[in-house]
Amino acid sequence: MPIPLQPFGRTGHESTRVIFGGAALSRVSQDVADRALETLLDHGINHIDVAPSYGDAELRIASWLKAHPNQFFVATKTDARAAAEGREELHRSLDRLGVDHLDLWQLHNLSDPIRWDRALSPGGVIDAAIEAREQGLVRAIGVTGHGTQVAATHRRSLQRFDFDSVLLPYNYLTLRIPYYAENFDALQRSCQERNAAVQTIKSIAYRPWMGRDRVSSTWYQPLSEPEDIQRAVHWALGRPGIFVLSVGDVNLLPHVLAAAERFQVATHDEVMQAMVQRLEMEPIFV
C-alpha cells in the first residue's frame, strides 16, 4: 500500500510520512544519486531534506528538481548563527539546488546553549530567516537538533520563535530515556497546538561504531537486515502525527521505504525489547 500523506504542519503541503534524508547523498556519484531518485519515485516520496553540510547532496538533487518541477517539497538547512552568514549560506543553497525559493529552511543542530542564544537573538540567523520569508525566498522556517537535550531545547526554541517545524531523534532506545521521552511528549503536544510539523531521525539506529569496521556511510551503525529495519520503522511510524526521515545510507533506502509501505500497526515494545537484547543494541545518544 502507498506510504500515506499527512499535512506538514501549517505549510499547506501534504507530505509523505517518510521523508527522504539527503544525507545519504553526501558522498555518492550522480549515477548513484539518480538511482536513489528512481527509488523515491517508485515509492511516491514527495519531500526531500538536505543540508549544505551534507557534502554534495544539494548538487546531487538539483537535476532532480529541474526534471521534476513542483514534485518535491524541498527543505535544506543552515549551520550559520549570525544573520549575515545565514544570508550567504541561503543564497549558496539556492544556487546549488537550482531553485528560486525553498519550501523549508531550517536552523541546523541548534543545540549548544551559547550558539542557540546567538542564533535566536537580534542579529542572529533567525533575522535572516524572517527576512528571507518576507522576500519569498523561504516559505517556512524550522529548527533541528541532536542529542538527549534537544527535545527540551526545542521546547525553549518554540517559546523564542514560532517555528513551522522541528526535527529530532526518535527511536526505541532514545525514548527509553525518561527525561527525553517526557520532553518529546511535551514538545509534540506543543507542536500540535501550534500546527507545527514534527520530523524524526535515527529510527533505524543500531549502536555507535565504537571502533568497529564501518560498513555504512552513517556516523552511527544502522540496522541492516530488512526484518529488523521493518520492526524499527513500524515502531516509529506507530506514533501518530510524526514524520520519519529515511536513512543516511543510500543502500538501505529501499529497505526503509519498503518497510514503510508495509506499515499497518506499530511494532510492540516487547518485540523491540527482544530485538535490542538479540542484537545487543546500544543507544547512540547518552
C-alpha atoms as a PDB file:
ATOM      1  CA  MET A   1       0.000   0.000   0.000  1.00  0.00           C
ATOM      2  CA  PRO A   2       1.267   3.533  -0.692  1.00  0.00           C
ATOM      3  CA  ILE A   3       3.098   5.461   2.006  1.00  0.00           C
ATOM      4  CA  PRO A   4       0.410   7.737   3.447  1.00  0.00           C
ATOM      5  CA  LEU A   5       0.392  11.519   3.270  1.00  0.00           C
ATOM      6  CA  GLN A   6      -0.302  13.913   6.109  1.00  0.00           C
ATOM      7  CA  PRO A   7      -0.262  17.714   6.428  1.00  0.00           C
ATOM      8  CA  PHE A   8       3.232  19.067   7.006  1.00  0.00           C
ATOM      9  CA  GLY A   9       2.164  21.360   9.801  1.00  0.00           C
ATOM     10  CA  ARG A  10       0.659  24.634   8.594  1.00  0.00           C
ATOM     11  CA  THR A  11       2.626  24.772   5.323  1.00  0.00           C
ATOM     12  CA  GLY A  12      -0.321  23.555   3.263  1.00  0.00           C
ATOM     13  CA  HIS A  13       1.724  20.661   1.860  1.00  0.00           C
ATOM     14  CA  GLU A  14       0.683  17.022   2.163  1.00  0.00           C
ATOM     15  CA  SER A  15       3.994  15.211   2.704  1.00  0.00           C
ATOM     16  CA  THR A  16       4.661  11.505   2.699  1.00  0.00           C
ATOM     17  CA  ARG A  17       5.102  10.295   6.273  1.00  0.00           C
ATOM     18  CA  VAL A  18       8.577   9.133   5.264  1.00  0.00           C
ATOM     19  CA  ILE A  19      10.817  11.987   4.100  1.00  0.00           C
ATOM     20  CA  PHE A  20      13.962  11.382   2.078  1.00  0.00           C
ATOM     21  CA  GLY A  21      17.025  12.165   4.180  1.00  0.00           C
ATOM     22  CA  GLY A  22      19.501  13.697   1.738  1.00  0.00           C
ATOM     23  CA  ALA A  23      22.485  12.935   3.960  1.00  0.00           C
ATOM     24  CA  ALA A  24      22.516   9.629   2.084  1.00  0.00           C
ATOM     25  CA  LEU A  25      23.848  11.523  -0.956  1.00  0.00           C
ATOM     26  CA  SER A  26      26.776  13.167   0.823  1.00  0.00           C
ATOM     27  CA  ARG A  27      29.494  11.130  -0.876  1.00  0.00           C
ATOM     28  CA  VAL A  28      27.931   9.360  -3.852  1.00  0.00           C
ATOM     29  CA  SER A  29      28.219   9.831  -7.607  1.00  0.00           C
ATOM     30  CA  GLN A  30      25.444  11.383  -9.668  1.00  0.00           C
ATOM     31  CA  ASP A  31      24.646   7.945 -11.108  1.00  0.00           C
ATOM     32  CA  VAL A  32      24.098   6.507  -7.635  1.00  0.00           C
ATOM     33  CA  ALA A  33      22.046   9.555  -6.676  1.00  0.00           C
ATOM     34  CA  ASP A  34      19.889   9.187  -9.784  1.00  0.00           C
ATOM     35  CA  ARG A  35      19.144   5.560  -8.891  1.00  0.00           C
ATOM     36  CA  ALA A  36      18.048   6.786  -5.465  1.00  0.00           C
ATOM     37  CA  LEU A  37      15.682   9.216  -7.197  1.00  0.00           C
ATOM     38  CA  GLU A  38      14.122   6.335  -9.113  1.00  0.00           C
ATOM     39  CA  THR A  39      13.579   4.579  -5.798  1.00  0.00           C
ATOM     40  CA  LEU A  40      11.873   7.677  -4.383  1.00  0.00           C
ATOM     41  CA  LEU A  41       9.622   7.953  -7.423  1.00  0.00           C
ATOM     42  CA  ASP A  42       8.743   4.253  -7.240  1.00  0.00           C
ATOM     43  CA  HIS A  43       7.584   4.722  -3.645  1.00  0.00           C
ATOM     44  CA  GLY A  44       5.853   8.070  -4.140  1.00  0.00           C
ATOM     45  CA  ILE A  45       8.119  10.115  -1.841  1.00  0.00           C
ATOM     46  CA  ASN A  46       7.400  13.833  -2.304  1.00  0.00           C
ATOM     47  CA  HIS A  47       9.570  15.532   0.346  1.00  0.00           C
ATOM     48  CA  ILE A  48      13.380  15.870   0.352  1.00  0.00           C
ATOM     49  CA  ASP A  49      15.542  17.108   3.230  1.00  0.00           C
ATOM     50  CA  VAL A  50      19.170  18.142   2.612  1.00  0.00           C
ATOM     51  CA  ALA A  51      21.800  20.479   4.060  1.00  0.00           C
ATOM     52  CA  PRO A  52      24.918  22.310   2.848  1.00  0.00           C
ATOM     53  CA  SER A  53      26.944  20.248   5.312  1.00  0.00           C
ATOM     54  CA  TYR A  54      25.865  17.023   3.579  1.00  0.00           C
ATOM     55  CA  GLY A  55      28.724  17.052   1.100  1.00  0.00           C
ATOM     56  CA  ASP A  56      27.402  17.206  -2.464  1.00  0.00           C
ATOM     57  CA  ALA A  57      23.787  16.372  -1.575  1.00  0.00           C
ATOM     58  CA  GLU A  58      22.373  19.738  -2.680  1.00  0.00           C
ATOM     59  CA  LEU A  59      24.203  19.452  -6.006  1.00  0.00           C
ATOM     60  CA  ARG A  60      23.063  15.862  -6.487  1.00  0.00           C
ATOM     61  CA  ILE A  61      19.354  16.693  -6.263  1.00  0.00           C
ATOM     62  CA  ALA A  62      19.496  19.837  -8.425  1.00  0.00           C
ATOM     63  CA  SER A  63      18.960  17.855 -11.620  1.00  0.00           C
ATOM     64  CA  TRP A  64      16.039  16.029 -10.000  1.00  0.00           C
ATOM     65  CA  LEU A  65      14.302  19.285  -9.162  1.00  0.00           C
ATOM     66  CA  LYS A  66      14.806  20.547 -12.707  1.00  0.00           C
ATOM     67  CA  ALA A  67      13.496  17.335 -14.265  1.00  0.00           C
ATOM     68  CA  HIS A  68      10.559  17.007 -11.848  1.00  0.00           C
ATOM     69  CA  PRO A  69       9.401  20.578 -11.114  1.00  0.00           C
ATOM     70  CA  ASN A  70       6.918  21.040  -8.268  1.00  0.00           C
ATOM     71  CA  GLN A  71       7.032  17.338  -7.416  1.00  0.00           C
ATOM     72  CA  PHE A  72       9.063  17.630  -4.213  1.00  0.00           C
ATOM     73  CA  PHE A  73       8.771  19.714  -1.081  1.00  0.00           C
ATOM     74  CA  VAL A  74      12.383  20.904  -0.714  1.00  0.00           C
ATOM     75  CA  ALA A  75      13.976  21.528   2.677  1.00  0.00           C
ATOM     76  CA  THR A  76      17.552  22.462   3.431  1.00  0.00           C
ATOM     77  CA  LYS A  77      19.368  23.863   6.457  1.00  0.00           C
ATOM     78  CA  THR A  78      21.905  26.380   7.689  1.00  0.00           C
ATOM     79  CA  ASP A  79      24.698  25.989  10.224  1.00  0.00           C
ATOM     80  CA  ALA A  80      25.038  29.778  10.448  1.00  0.00           C
ATOM     81  CA  ARG A  81      24.339  31.515  13.733  1.00  0.00           C
ATOM     82  CA  ALA A  82      24.705  35.147  12.587  1.00  0.00           C
ATOM     83  CA  ALA A  83      22.326  36.827  10.134  1.00  0.00           C
ATOM     84  CA  ALA A  84      24.958  37.863   7.575  1.00  0.00           C
ATOM     85  CA  GLU A  85      26.465  34.387   7.453  1.00  0.00           C
ATOM     86  CA  GLY A  86      22.985  32.898   7.134  1.00  0.00           C
ATOM     87  CA  ARG A  87      22.094  35.094   4.157  1.00  0.00           C
ATOM     88  CA  GLU A  88      25.239  33.963   2.355  1.00  0.00           C
ATOM     89  CA  GLU A  89      24.543  30.298   3.066  1.00  0.00           C
ATOM     90  CA  LEU A  90      20.916  30.598   1.936  1.00  0.00           C
ATOM     91  CA  HIS A  91      21.865  32.079  -1.439  1.00  0.00           C
ATOM     92  CA  ARG A  92      24.564  29.434  -1.877  1.00  0.00           C
ATOM     93  CA  SER A  93      21.979  26.707  -1.242  1.00  0.00           C
ATOM     94  CA  LEU A  94      19.550  28.255  -3.730  1.00  0.00           C
ATOM     95  CA  ASP A  95      22.307  28.322  -6.353  1.00  0.00           C
ATOM     96  CA  ARG A  96      23.414  24.757  -5.647  1.00  0.00           C
ATOM     97  CA  LEU A  97      19.851  23.451  -5.747  1.00  0.00           C
ATOM     98  CA  GLY A  98      18.985  25.483  -8.843  1.00  0.00           C
ATOM     99  CA  VAL A  99      15.777  26.872  -7.332  1.00  0.00           C
ATOM    100  CA  ASP A 100      14.439  30.363  -6.643  1.00  0.00           C
ATOM    101  CA  HIS A 101      12.948  29.519  -3.237  1.00  0.00           C
ATOM    102  CA  LEU A 102      12.869  26.851  -0.527  1.00  0.00           C
ATOM    103  CA  ASP A 103       9.795  25.255   0.950  1.00  0.00           C
ATOM    104  CA  LEU A 104      11.569  24.961   4.321  1.00  0.00           C
ATOM    105  CA  TRP A 105      14.801  26.466   5.662  1.00  0.00           C
ATOM    106  CA  GLN A 106      15.949  25.001   8.966  1.00  0.00           C
ATOM    107  CA  LEU A 107      18.335  26.231  11.655  1.00  0.00           C
ATOM    108  CA  HIS A 108      20.542  23.158  11.820  1.00  0.00           C
ATOM    109  CA  ASN A 109      21.563  21.394  15.020  1.00  0.00           C
ATOM    110  CA  LEU A 110      20.544  24.283  17.266  1.00  0.00           C
ATOM    111  CA  SER A 111      21.631  22.596  20.489  1.00  0.00           C
ATOM    112  CA  ASP A 112      24.615  24.375  22.080  1.00  0.00           C
ATOM    113  CA  PRO A 113      23.214  26.939  24.604  1.00  0.00           C
ATOM    114  CA  ILE A 114      25.538  29.794  23.624  1.00  0.00           C
ATOM    115  CA  ARG A 115      25.114  29.317  19.867  1.00  0.00           C
ATOM    116  CA  TRP A 116      21.372  28.790  20.416  1.00  0.00           C
ATOM    117  CA  ASP A 117      21.052  32.181  22.094  1.00  0.00           C
ATOM    118  CA  ARG A 118      23.140  33.881  19.412  1.00  0.00           C
ATOM    119  CA  ALA A 119      21.057  32.392  16.601  1.00  0.00           C
ATOM    120  CA  LEU A 120      17.740  33.461  18.138  1.00  0.00           C
ATOM    121  CA  SER A 121      18.789  36.941  19.326  1.00  0.00           C
ATOM    122  CA  PRO A 122      18.745  40.198  17.323  1.00  0.00           C
ATOM    123  CA  GLY A 123      21.392  39.957  14.601  1.00  0.00           C
ATOM    124  CA  GLY A 124      21.170  36.171  14.692  1.00  0.00           C
ATOM    125  CA  VAL A 125      20.362  33.864  11.815  1.00  0.00           C
ATOM    126  CA  ILE A 126      16.680  33.968  12.744  1.00  0.00           C
ATOM    127  CA  ASP A 127      16.668  37.547  11.397  1.00  0.00           C
ATOM    128  CA  ALA A 128      17.930  36.271   8.048  1.00  0.00           C
ATOM    129  CA  ALA A 129      15.232  33.576   8.045  1.00  0.00           C
ATOM    130  CA  ILE A 130      12.432  36.054   8.731  1.00  0.00           C
ATOM    131  CA  GLU A 131      13.787  38.402   6.064  1.00  0.00           C
ATOM    132  CA  ALA A 132      14.009  35.545   3.539  1.00  0.00           C
ATOM    133  CA  ARG A 133      10.428  34.536   4.272  1.00  0.00           C
ATOM    134  CA  GLU A 134       9.247  38.103   3.713  1.00  0.00           C
ATOM    135  CA  GLN A 135      11.143  38.151   0.392  1.00  0.00           C
ATOM    136  CA  GLY A 136       9.599  34.869  -0.755  1.00  0.00           C
ATOM    137  CA  LEU A 137      12.934  33.026  -0.734  1.00  0.00           C
ATOM    138  CA  VAL A 138      11.750  30.764   2.086  1.00  0.00           C
ATOM    139  CA  ARG A 139       8.198  29.632   2.745  1.00  0.00           C
ATOM    140  CA  ALA A 140       8.640  28.051   6.180  1.00  0.00           C
ATOM    141  CA  ILE A 141      11.249  28.105   8.956  1.00  0.00           C
ATOM    142  CA  GLY A 142      12.265  25.107  11.045  1.00  0.00           C
ATOM    143  CA  VAL A 143      14.765  24.026  13.674  1.00  0.00           C
ATOM    144  CA  THR A 144      16.724  20.776  14.034  1.00  0.00           C
ATOM    145  CA  GLY A 145      18.915  19.162  16.673  1.00  0.00           C
ATOM    146  CA  HIS A 146      20.569  16.042  18.066  1.00  0.00           C
ATOM    147  CA  GLY A 147      21.258  14.590  21.491  1.00  0.00           C
ATOM    148  CA  THR A 148      19.278  13.827  24.626  1.00  0.00           C
ATOM    149  CA  GLN A 149      18.760  17.504  25.485  1.00  0.00           C
ATOM    150  CA  VAL A 150      17.285  18.543  22.155  1.00  0.00           C
ATOM    151  CA  ALA A 151      13.612  17.857  22.895  1.00  0.00           C
ATOM    152  CA  ALA A 152      13.844  20.220  25.861  1.00  0.00           C
ATOM    153  CA  THR A 153      15.855  22.708  23.776  1.00  0.00           C
ATOM    154  CA  HIS A 154      13.244  22.676  21.009  1.00  0.00           C
ATOM    155  CA  ARG A 155      10.568  23.482  23.601  1.00  0.00           C
ATOM    156  CA  ARG A 156      12.552  26.587  24.557  1.00  0.00           C
ATOM    157  CA  SER A 157      13.088  27.408  20.886  1.00  0.00           C
ATOM    158  CA  LEU A 158       9.330  27.450  20.314  1.00  0.00           C
ATOM    159  CA  GLN A 159       8.994  29.930  23.161  1.00  0.00           C
ATOM    160  CA  ARG A 160      11.523  32.201  21.433  1.00  0.00           C
ATOM    161  CA  PHE A 161      10.164  31.858  17.875  1.00  0.00           C
ATOM    162  CA  ASP A 162       7.092  30.269  16.275  1.00  0.00           C
ATOM    163  CA  PHE A 163       8.880  27.669  14.123  1.00  0.00           C
ATOM    164  CA  ASP A 164       6.924  25.834  11.432  1.00  0.00           C
ATOM    165  CA  SER A 165       8.698  22.527  12.104  1.00  0.00           C
ATOM    166  CA  VAL A 166      11.068  20.749  14.451  1.00  0.00           C
ATOM    167  CA  LEU A 167      13.383  17.806  13.771  1.00  0.00           C
ATOM    168  CA  LEU A 168      14.916  15.495  16.397  1.00  0.00           C
ATOM    169  CA  PRO A 169      15.797  11.847  17.149  1.00  0.00           C
ATOM    170  CA  TYR A 170      13.091   9.257  17.683  1.00  0.00           C
ATOM    171  CA  ASN A 171      13.864   5.575  18.169  1.00  0.00           C
ATOM    172  CA  TYR A 172      13.102   2.905  20.726  1.00  0.00           C
ATOM    173  CA  LEU A 173      16.288   3.235  22.805  1.00  0.00           C
ATOM    174  CA  THR A 174      16.297   7.031  22.842  1.00  0.00           C
ATOM    175  CA  LEU A 175      12.679   7.044  24.027  1.00  0.00           C
ATOM    176  CA  ARG A 176      13.677   4.706  26.872  1.00  0.00           C
ATOM    177  CA  ILE A 177      15.411   7.716  28.457  1.00  0.00           C
ATOM    178  CA  PRO A 178      12.695   9.126  30.767  1.00  0.00           C
ATOM    179  CA  TYR A 179      13.881  12.743  30.508  1.00  0.00           C
ATOM    180  CA  TYR A 180      13.888  12.598  26.721  1.00  0.00           C
ATOM    181  CA  ALA A 181      10.523  10.827  26.482  1.00  0.00           C
ATOM    182  CA  GLU A 182       8.887  13.366  28.798  1.00  0.00           C
ATOM    183  CA  ASN A 183      10.180  16.305  26.786  1.00  0.00           C
ATOM    184  CA  PHE A 184       9.393  14.659  23.440  1.00  0.00           C
ATOM    185  CA  ASP A 185       5.786  14.150  24.529  1.00  0.00           C
ATOM    186  CA  ALA A 186       5.529  17.768  25.699  1.00  0.00           C
ATOM    187  CA  LEU A 187       7.171  19.036  22.503  1.00  0.00           C
ATOM    188  CA  GLN A 188       4.752  17.123  20.300  1.00  0.00           C
ATOM    189  CA  ARG A 189       1.782  18.470  22.261  1.00  0.00           C
ATOM    190  CA  SER A 190       3.096  21.997  21.806  1.00  0.00           C
ATOM    191  CA  CYS A 191       3.625  21.426  18.085  1.00  0.00           C
ATOM    192  CA  GLN A 192       0.086  20.081  17.738  1.00  0.00           C
ATOM    193  CA  GLU A 193      -1.259  23.227  19.414  1.00  0.00           C
ATOM    194  CA  ARG A 194       0.795  25.413  17.053  1.00  0.00           C
ATOM    195  CA  ASN A 195       0.209  23.213  13.988  1.00  0.00           C
ATOM    196  CA  ALA A 196       3.962  22.754  13.541  1.00  0.00           C
ATOM    197  CA  ALA A 197       5.373  19.601  11.911  1.00  0.00           C
ATOM    198  CA  VAL A 198       7.390  17.076  13.949  1.00  0.00           C
ATOM    199  CA  GLN A 199      10.139  15.344  11.949  1.00  0.00           C
ATOM    200  CA  THR A 200      12.136  12.482  13.422  1.00  0.00           C
ATOM    201  CA  ILE A 201      15.521  10.957  12.621  1.00  0.00           C
ATOM    202  CA  LYS A 202      17.620   7.905  13.519  1.00  0.00           C
ATOM    203  CA  SER A 203      14.695   5.453  13.502  1.00  0.00           C
ATOM    204  CA  ILE A 204      16.940   2.533  12.482  1.00  0.00           C
ATOM    205  CA  ALA A 205      19.944   3.382  14.649  1.00  0.00           C
ATOM    206  CA  TYR A 206      21.646   0.228  15.956  1.00  0.00           C
ATOM    207  CA  ARG A 207      24.635   1.347  18.045  1.00  0.00           C
ATOM    208  CA  PRO A 208      27.767   3.540  17.921  1.00  0.00           C
ATOM    209  CA  TRP A 209      30.603   2.204  15.772  1.00  0.00           C
ATOM    210  CA  MET A 210      32.974   2.160  18.764  1.00  0.00           C
ATOM    211  CA  GLY A 211      35.994   1.080  16.726  1.00  0.00           C
ATOM    212  CA  ARG A 212      34.114  -1.485  14.654  1.00  0.00           C
ATOM    213  CA  ASP A 213      34.802  -1.598  10.915  1.00  0.00           C
ATOM    214  CA  ARG A 214      32.435   0.839   9.216  1.00  0.00           C
ATOM    215  CA  VAL A 215      30.293  -0.773   6.554  1.00  0.00           C
ATOM    216  CA  SER A 216      27.876   2.140   6.196  1.00  0.00           C
ATOM    217  CA  SER A 217      28.189   5.840   5.401  1.00  0.00           C
ATOM    218  CA  THR A 218      26.331   6.863   8.563  1.00  0.00           C
ATOM    219  CA  TRP A 219      28.150   8.178  11.673  1.00  0.00           C
ATOM    220  CA  TYR A 220      26.306   5.548  13.741  1.00  0.00           C
ATOM    221  CA  GLN A 221      25.813   1.876  12.881  1.00  0.00           C
ATOM    222  CA  PRO A 222      22.338   1.381  11.410  1.00  0.00           C
ATOM    223  CA  LEU A 223      20.266  -1.766  11.375  1.00  0.00           C
ATOM    224  CA  SER A 224      20.919  -3.631   8.140  1.00  0.00           C
ATOM    225  CA  GLU A 225      18.651  -6.693   7.997  1.00  0.00           C
ATOM    226  CA  PRO A 226      15.322  -5.927   6.289  1.00  0.00           C
ATOM    227  CA  GLU A 227      13.283  -7.612   9.024  1.00  0.00           C
ATOM    228  CA  ASP A 228      14.971  -5.561  11.749  1.00  0.00           C
ATOM    229  CA  ILE A 229      14.627  -2.363   9.733  1.00  0.00           C
ATOM    230  CA  GLN A 230      10.935  -3.081   9.318  1.00  0.00           C
ATOM    231  CA  ARG A 231      10.442  -3.569  13.065  1.00  0.00           C
ATOM    232  CA  ALA A 232      12.147  -0.252  13.830  1.00  0.00           C
ATOM    233  CA  VAL A 233      10.381   1.689  11.073  1.00  0.00           C
ATOM    234  CA  HIS A 234       6.990   0.311  12.087  1.00  0.00           C
ATOM    235  CA  TRP A 235       7.692   1.227  15.718  1.00  0.00           C
ATOM    236  CA  ALA A 236       8.454   4.821  14.697  1.00  0.00           C
ATOM    237  CA  LEU A 237       5.506   5.133  12.309  1.00  0.00           C
ATOM    238  CA  GLY A 238       3.295   3.799  15.074  1.00  0.00           C
ATOM    239  CA  ARG A 239       3.380   7.229  16.708  1.00  0.00           C
ATOM    240  CA  PRO A 240       0.588   9.270  15.095  1.00  0.00           C
ATOM    241  CA  GLY A 241       1.390  12.680  13.681  1.00  0.00           C
ATOM    242  CA  ILE A 242       5.143  12.457  13.237  1.00  0.00           C
ATOM    243  CA  PHE A 243       7.261  12.220  10.101  1.00  0.00           C
ATOM    244  CA  VAL A 244      10.181   9.788   9.760  1.00  0.00           C
ATOM    245  CA  LEU A 245      13.291  10.698   7.760  1.00  0.00           C
ATOM    246  CA  SER A 246      14.643   7.736   5.838  1.00  0.00           C
ATOM    247  CA  VAL A 247      18.325   6.887   6.452  1.00  0.00           C
ATOM    248  CA  GLY A 248      21.776   8.308   5.797  1.00  0.00           C
ATOM    249  CA  ASP A 249      22.852   5.280   3.731  1.00  0.00           C
ATOM    250  CA  VAL A 250      21.591   5.134   0.167  1.00  0.00           C
ATOM    251  CA  ASN A 251      21.986   1.340   0.104  1.00  0.00           C
ATOM    252  CA  LEU A 252      19.472   0.928   2.942  1.00  0.00           C
ATOM    253  CA  LEU A 253      16.934   3.342   1.445  1.00  0.00           C
ATOM    254  CA  PRO A 254      14.935   0.656  -0.432  1.00  0.00           C
ATOM    255  CA  HIS A 255      14.516  -1.373   2.769  1.00  0.00           C
ATOM    256  CA  VAL A 256      13.232   1.625   4.728  1.00  0.00           C
ATOM    257  CA  LEU A 257      10.747   2.614   2.022  1.00  0.00           C
ATOM    258  CA  ALA A 258       9.556  -0.963   1.515  1.00  0.00           C
ATOM    259  CA  ALA A 259       9.010  -1.267   5.261  1.00  0.00           C
ATOM    260  CA  ALA A 260       7.021   1.978   5.285  1.00  0.00           C
ATOM    261  CA  GLU A 261       4.771   0.712   2.503  1.00  0.00           C
ATOM    262  CA  ARG A 262       4.000  -2.392   4.551  1.00  0.00           C
ATOM    263  CA  PHE A 263       3.137  -0.440   7.696  1.00  0.00           C
ATOM    264  CA  GLN A 264      -0.234  -1.195   9.263  1.00  0.00           C
ATOM    265  CA  VAL A 265       0.285  -1.365  13.029  1.00  0.00           C
ATOM    266  CA  ALA A 266       3.102  -0.341  15.353  1.00  0.00           C
ATOM    267  CA  THR A 267       5.695  -2.855  16.464  1.00  0.00           C
ATOM    268  CA  HIS A 268       5.006  -3.713  20.116  1.00  0.00           C
ATOM    269  CA  ASP A 269       7.543  -2.610  22.711  1.00  0.00           C
ATOM    270  CA  GLU A 270       8.030  -6.251  23.708  1.00  0.00           C
ATOM    271  CA  VAL A 271       9.156  -7.076  20.167  1.00  0.00           C
ATOM    272  CA  MET A 272      11.511  -4.109  20.144  1.00  0.00           C
ATOM    273  CA  GLN A 273      12.988  -5.065  23.501  1.00  0.00           C
ATOM    274  CA  ALA A 274      13.582  -8.614  22.276  1.00  0.00           C
ATOM    275  CA  MET A 275      15.412  -7.194  19.235  1.00  0.00           C
ATOM    276  CA  VAL A 276      17.520  -4.953  21.486  1.00  0.00           C
ATOM    277  CA  GLN A 277      18.603  -7.971  23.509  1.00  0.00           C
ATOM    278  CA  ARG A 278      19.172 -10.226  20.491  1.00  0.00           C
ATOM    279  CA  LEU A 279      21.325  -7.688  18.648  1.00  0.00           C
ATOM    280  CA  GLU A 280      22.858  -6.125  21.768  1.00  0.00           C
ATOM    281  CA  MET A 281      21.703  -2.727  20.591  1.00  0.00           C
ATOM    282  CA  GLU A 282      23.093   0.378  22.274  1.00  0.00           C
ATOM    283  CA  PRO A 283      21.826   3.979  22.371  1.00  0.00           C
ATOM    284  CA  ILE A 284      23.683   6.372  20.081  1.00  0.00           C
ATOM    285  CA  PHE A 285      22.837   9.309  22.347  1.00  0.00           C
ATOM    286  CA  VAL A 286      23.728   9.138  26.028  1.00  0.00           C
END
